[in-house]
Amino acid sequence: MLISIHNYRGWVGVGGFIPLHLLSPTFVASLKGEGVNMTFGSKGFFGYSLSTPFSSSTSDTDLDQHTLGWWSIYESPALPEPSERTSSHVRTFLLSQHKSWKSPYDTPSLGVYEEIINLGCPLDIELPAETNGKENVRELM
């Protein structure tokens, strides 16, 4: 995700891809009949979808060939500082915003949003600070 420093308008976007074989079976089963899922809140939104659709012949053994794409846009009055651009920081923030959100595909032990955030934001990974040699653009994720 690129952020233009000169045109920053108070919103940050993050996202990524998660191999389906890492997700809970209940959640993966729900994806077979669902397209794009976007949930809106007062301070941002969270979305996810299959990166490549299942075919009628997709089996559980084919899950390593598919990924879940996820993204979140959230309000941030100031451009995040480099220390706030770690996977751990993003994970903590996203969990504070979305962990309590409910999905019909939650299991008793784990919610869908929590599962996506925990897998999508592994702990202790530094995210790139500069990109493409452009002075006015920083890569957040």
C-alpha atoms as a PDB file:
ATOM      1  CA  MET A   1       0.000   0.000   0.000  1.00  0.00           C
ATOM      2  CA  LEU A   2       1.416   3.374  -0.924  1.00  0.00           C
ATOM      3  CA  ILE A   3       0.733   6.565   0.979  1.00  0.00           C
ATOM      4  CA  SER A   4       1.398   9.946  -0.556  1.00  0.00           C
ATOM      5  CA  ILE A   5       2.815  12.196   2.151  1.00  0.00           C
ATOM      6  CA  HIS A   6       1.791  15.372   0.321  1.00  0.00           C
ATOM      7  CA  ASN A   7      -1.769  14.176  -0.247  1.00  0.00           C
ATOM      8  CA  TYR A   8      -2.345  12.285   3.001  1.00  0.00           C
ATOM      9  CA  ARG A   9      -6.038  12.584   3.912  1.00  0.00           C
ATOM     10  CA  GLY A  10      -6.279  10.739   7.230  1.00  0.00           C
ATOM     11  CA  TRP A  11      -6.848   7.153   6.095  1.00  0.00           C
ATOM     12  CA  VAL A  12      -4.444   4.202   6.125  1.00  0.00           C
ATOM     13  CA  GLY A  13      -4.834   1.003   4.119  1.00  0.00           C
ATOM     14  CA  VAL A  14      -3.272  -2.355   4.926  1.00  0.00           C
ATOM     15  CA  GLY A  15      -3.814  -5.851   3.594  1.00  0.00           C
ATOM     16  CA  GLY A  16      -2.291  -9.009   2.274  1.00  0.00           C
ATOM     17  CA  PHE A  17      -2.814 -12.628   1.295  1.00  0.00           C
ATOM     18  CA  ILE A  18      -3.196 -15.747   3.439  1.00  0.00           C
ATOM     19  CA  PRO A  19      -2.899 -19.323   2.104  1.00  0.00           C
ATOM     20  CA  LEU A  20      -6.280 -21.015   2.624  1.00  0.00           C
ATOM     21  CA  HIS A  21      -4.766 -24.104   4.198  1.00  0.00           C
ATOM     22  CA  LEU A  22      -3.861 -21.941   7.233  1.00  0.00           C
ATOM     23  CA  LEU A  23      -7.493 -20.926   7.868  1.00  0.00           C
ATOM     24  CA  SER A  24     -10.024 -22.845   9.949  1.00  0.00           C
ATOM     25  CA  PRO A  25     -12.102 -25.414   8.014  1.00  0.00           C
ATOM     26  CA  THR A  26     -15.360 -23.667   9.001  1.00  0.00           C
ATOM     27  CA  PHE A  27     -14.164 -20.400   7.530  1.00  0.00           C
ATOM     28  CA  VAL A  28     -12.801 -22.014   4.350  1.00  0.00           C
ATOM     29  CA  ALA A  29     -16.119 -23.812   3.807  1.00  0.00           C
ATOM     30  CA  SER A  30     -17.940 -20.465   4.036  1.00  0.00           C
ATOM     31  CA  LEU A  31     -15.797 -19.044   1.241  1.00  0.00           C
ATOM     32  CA  LYS A  32     -17.109 -21.586  -1.251  1.00  0.00           C
ATOM     33  CA  GLY A  33     -20.469 -19.834  -1.391  1.00  0.00           C
ATOM     34  CA  GLU A  34     -19.484 -16.273  -0.616  1.00  0.00           C
ATOM     35  CA  GLY A  35     -17.982 -13.600  -2.833  1.00  0.00           C
ATOM     36  CA  VAL A  36     -16.441 -10.444  -1.449  1.00  0.00           C
ATOM     37  CA  ASN A  37     -17.145  -9.680   2.207  1.00  0.00           C
ATOM     38  CA  MET A  38     -16.863  -6.069   3.366  1.00  0.00           C
ATOM     39  CA  THR A  39     -17.848  -4.879   6.827  1.00  0.00           C
ATOM     40  CA  PHE A  40     -18.108  -1.162   7.513  1.00  0.00           C
ATOM     41  CA  GLY A  41     -17.712   0.532  10.875  1.00  0.00           C
ATOM     42  CA  SER A  42     -17.668   4.133  12.043  1.00  0.00           C
ATOM     43  CA  LYS A  43     -13.859   4.414  11.799  1.00  0.00           C
ATOM     44  CA  GLY A  44     -13.065   2.259   8.787  1.00  0.00           C
ATOM     45  CA  PHE A  45     -13.791  -1.049   7.126  1.00  0.00           C
ATOM     46  CA  PHE A  46     -12.475  -4.564   6.746  1.00  0.00           C
ATOM     47  CA  GLY A  47     -12.859  -6.801   3.721  1.00  0.00           C
ATOM     48  CA  TYR A  48     -11.811 -10.185   2.407  1.00  0.00           C
ATOM     49  CA  SER A  49     -12.377 -12.456  -0.578  1.00  0.00           C
ATOM     50  CA  LEU A  50     -10.837 -15.366  -2.393  1.00  0.00           C
ATOM     51  CA  SER A  51      -7.975 -14.268  -4.598  1.00  0.00           C
ATOM     52  CA  THR A  52      -8.903 -16.972  -7.080  1.00  0.00           C
ATOM     53  CA  PRO A  53     -12.374 -18.523  -7.150  1.00  0.00           C
ATOM     54  CA  PHE A  54     -13.067 -22.138  -6.309  1.00  0.00           C
ATOM     55  CA  SER A  55     -14.091 -24.333  -9.209  1.00  0.00           C
ATOM     56  CA  SER A  56     -16.645 -27.101  -8.901  1.00  0.00           C
ATOM     57  CA  SER A  57     -13.750 -29.556  -8.710  1.00  0.00           C
ATOM     58  CA  THR A  58     -11.847 -27.768  -5.915  1.00  0.00           C
ATOM     59  CA  SER A  59     -11.118 -30.170  -3.083  1.00  0.00           C
ATOM     60  CA  ASP A  60      -9.594 -29.735   0.358  1.00  0.00           C
ATOM     61  CA  THR A  61      -6.280 -30.971  -1.041  1.00  0.00           C
ATOM     62  CA  ASP A  62      -6.223 -28.025  -3.473  1.00  0.00           C
ATOM     63  CA  LEU A  63      -6.349 -25.389  -0.720  1.00  0.00           C
ATOM     64  CA  ASP A  64      -2.627 -24.650  -0.920  1.00  0.00           C
ATOM     65  CA  GLN A  65      -3.255 -23.272  -4.433  1.00  0.00           C
ATOM     66  CA  HIS A  66      -5.710 -20.621  -3.170  1.00  0.00           C
ATOM     67  CA  THR A  67      -5.300 -17.524  -1.038  1.00  0.00           C
ATOM     68  CA  LEU A  68      -7.576 -15.205   0.837  1.00  0.00           C
ATOM     69  CA  GLY A  69      -7.039 -11.533   0.071  1.00  0.00           C
ATOM     70  CA  TRP A  70      -7.825  -9.182   2.962  1.00  0.00           C
ATOM     71  CA  TRP A  71      -7.702  -5.422   3.465  1.00  0.00           C
ATOM     72  CA  SER A  72      -8.578  -2.789   6.007  1.00  0.00           C
ATOM     73  CA  ILE A  73      -8.871   0.965   5.685  1.00  0.00           C
ATOM     74  CA  TYR A  74      -8.888   2.921   8.924  1.00  0.00           C
ATOM     75  CA  GLU A  75      -8.794   6.472  10.151  1.00  0.00           C
ATOM     76  CA  SER A  76      -5.457   7.895  11.293  1.00  0.00           C
ATOM     77  CA  PRO A  77      -5.273  11.668  11.794  1.00  0.00           C
ATOM     78  CA  ALA A  78      -1.502  11.679  11.191  1.00  0.00           C
ATOM     79  CA  LEU A  79       0.646   9.707   8.800  1.00  0.00           C
ATOM     80  CA  PRO A  80       1.919   6.654  10.734  1.00  0.00           C
ATOM     81  CA  GLU A  81       5.484   7.035  11.985  1.00  0.00           C
ATOM     82  CA  PRO A  82       8.056   4.409  10.932  1.00  0.00           C
ATOM     83  CA  SER A  83       7.816   2.821  14.405  1.00  0.00           C
ATOM     84  CA  GLU A  84       4.086   2.321  13.785  1.00  0.00           C
ATOM     85  CA  ARG A  85       4.698   0.503  10.513  1.00  0.00           C
ATOM     86  CA  THR A  86       5.598  -2.870  11.956  1.00  0.00           C
ATOM     87  CA  SER A  87       3.412  -5.899  11.489  1.00  0.00           C
ATOM     88  CA  SER A  88       3.108  -6.168  15.291  1.00  0.00           C
ATOM     89  CA  HIS A  89       1.821  -2.599  15.608  1.00  0.00           C
ATOM     90  CA  VAL A  90      -0.651  -3.008  12.748  1.00  0.00           C
ATOM     91  CA  ARG A  91      -1.838  -6.315  14.248  1.00  0.00           C
ATOM     92  CA  THR A  92      -2.391  -4.765  17.686  1.00  0.00           C
ATOM     93  CA  PHE A  93      -4.287  -1.842  16.182  1.00  0.00           C
ATOM     94  CA  LEU A  94      -6.472  -3.990  13.900  1.00  0.00           C
ATOM     95  CA  LEU A  95      -7.326  -6.359  16.751  1.00  0.00           C
ATOM     96  CA  SER A  96      -8.349  -3.380  18.902  1.00  0.00           C
ATOM     97  CA  GLN A  97     -10.680  -2.240  16.104  1.00  0.00           C
ATOM     98  CA  HIS A  98     -12.077  -5.520  14.718  1.00  0.00           C
ATOM     99  CA  LYS A  99     -11.570  -8.422  17.156  1.00  0.00           C
ATOM    100  CA  SER A 100     -15.069  -8.005  18.579  1.00  0.00           C
ATOM    101  CA  TRP A 101     -16.749  -7.888  15.148  1.00  0.00           C
ATOM    102  CA  LYS A 102     -18.956 -10.918  14.544  1.00  0.00           C
ATOM    103  CA  SER A 103     -19.306 -13.191  11.543  1.00  0.00           C
ATOM    104  CA  PRO A 104     -21.757 -16.049  11.012  1.00  0.00           C
ATOM    105  CA  TYR A 105     -18.663 -18.190  10.436  1.00  0.00           C
ATOM    106  CA  ASP A 106     -17.039 -17.576  13.832  1.00  0.00           C
ATOM    107  CA  THR A 107     -16.253 -20.705  15.833  1.00  0.00           C
ATOM    108  CA  PRO A 108     -16.634 -20.838  19.637  1.00  0.00           C
ATOM    109  CA  SER A 109     -12.884 -20.470  20.030  1.00  0.00           C
ATOM    110  CA  LEU A 110     -12.001 -18.021  17.229  1.00  0.00           C
ATOM    111  CA  GLY A 111     -13.636 -15.193  15.320  1.00  0.00           C
ATOM    112  CA  VAL A 112     -13.117 -14.758  11.581  1.00  0.00           C
ATOM    113  CA  TYR A 113     -11.703 -11.230  11.859  1.00  0.00           C
ATOM    114  CA  GLU A 114      -9.320 -12.224  14.635  1.00  0.00           C
ATOM    115  CA  GLU A 115      -8.167 -15.235  12.603  1.00  0.00           C
ATOM    116  CA  ILE A 116      -7.472 -13.134   9.504  1.00  0.00           C
ATOM    117  CA  ILE A 117      -5.628 -10.429  11.460  1.00  0.00           C
ATOM    118  CA  ASN A 118      -3.478 -12.906  13.409  1.00  0.00           C
ATOM    119  CA  LEU A 119      -2.470 -14.780  10.255  1.00  0.00           C
ATOM    120  CA  GLY A 120      -2.175 -11.677   8.078  1.00  0.00           C
ATOM    121  CA  CYS A 121      -0.025  -9.683  10.504  1.00  0.00           C
ATOM    122  CA  PRO A 122       2.662 -11.998  11.863  1.00  0.00           C
ATOM    123  CA  LEU A 123       4.569 -10.659  14.850  1.00  0.00           C
ATOM    124  CA  ASP A 124       7.928  -8.900  14.541  1.00  0.00           C
ATOM    125  CA  ILE A 125       8.095  -8.220  10.805  1.00  0.00           C
ATOM    126  CA  GLU A 126       9.399  -4.837   9.687  1.00  0.00           C
ATOM    127  CA  LEU A 127       7.487  -3.288   6.814  1.00  0.00           C
ATOM    128  CA  PRO A 128       9.368  -1.335   4.103  1.00  0.00           C
ATOM    129  CA  ALA A 129       9.781   2.401   4.696  1.00  0.00           C
ATOM    130  CA  GLU A 130      10.617   3.821   1.250  1.00  0.00           C
ATOM    131  CA  THR A 131       9.645   2.625  -2.194  1.00  0.00           C
ATOM    132  CA  ASN A 132      10.648   3.181  -5.803  1.00  0.00           C
ATOM    133  CA  GLY A 133      12.997   6.042  -4.938  1.00  0.00           C
ATOM    134  CA  LYS A 134      10.080   8.470  -4.686  1.00  0.00           C
ATOM    135  CA  GLU A 135      10.597  11.014  -1.916  1.00  0.00           C
ATOM    136  CA  ASN A 136       6.909  11.721  -1.356  1.00  0.00           C
ATOM    137  CA  VAL A 137       5.679   8.136  -1.126  1.00  0.00           C
ATOM    138  CA  ARG A 138       6.129   5.586   1.639  1.00  0.00           C
ATOM    139  CA  GLU A 139       5.089   1.982   1.492  1.00  0.00           C
ATOM    140  CA  LEU A 140       3.082   0.928   4.508  1.00  0.00           C
ATOM    141  CA  MET A 141       2.514  -2.673   3.550  1.00  0.00           C
END
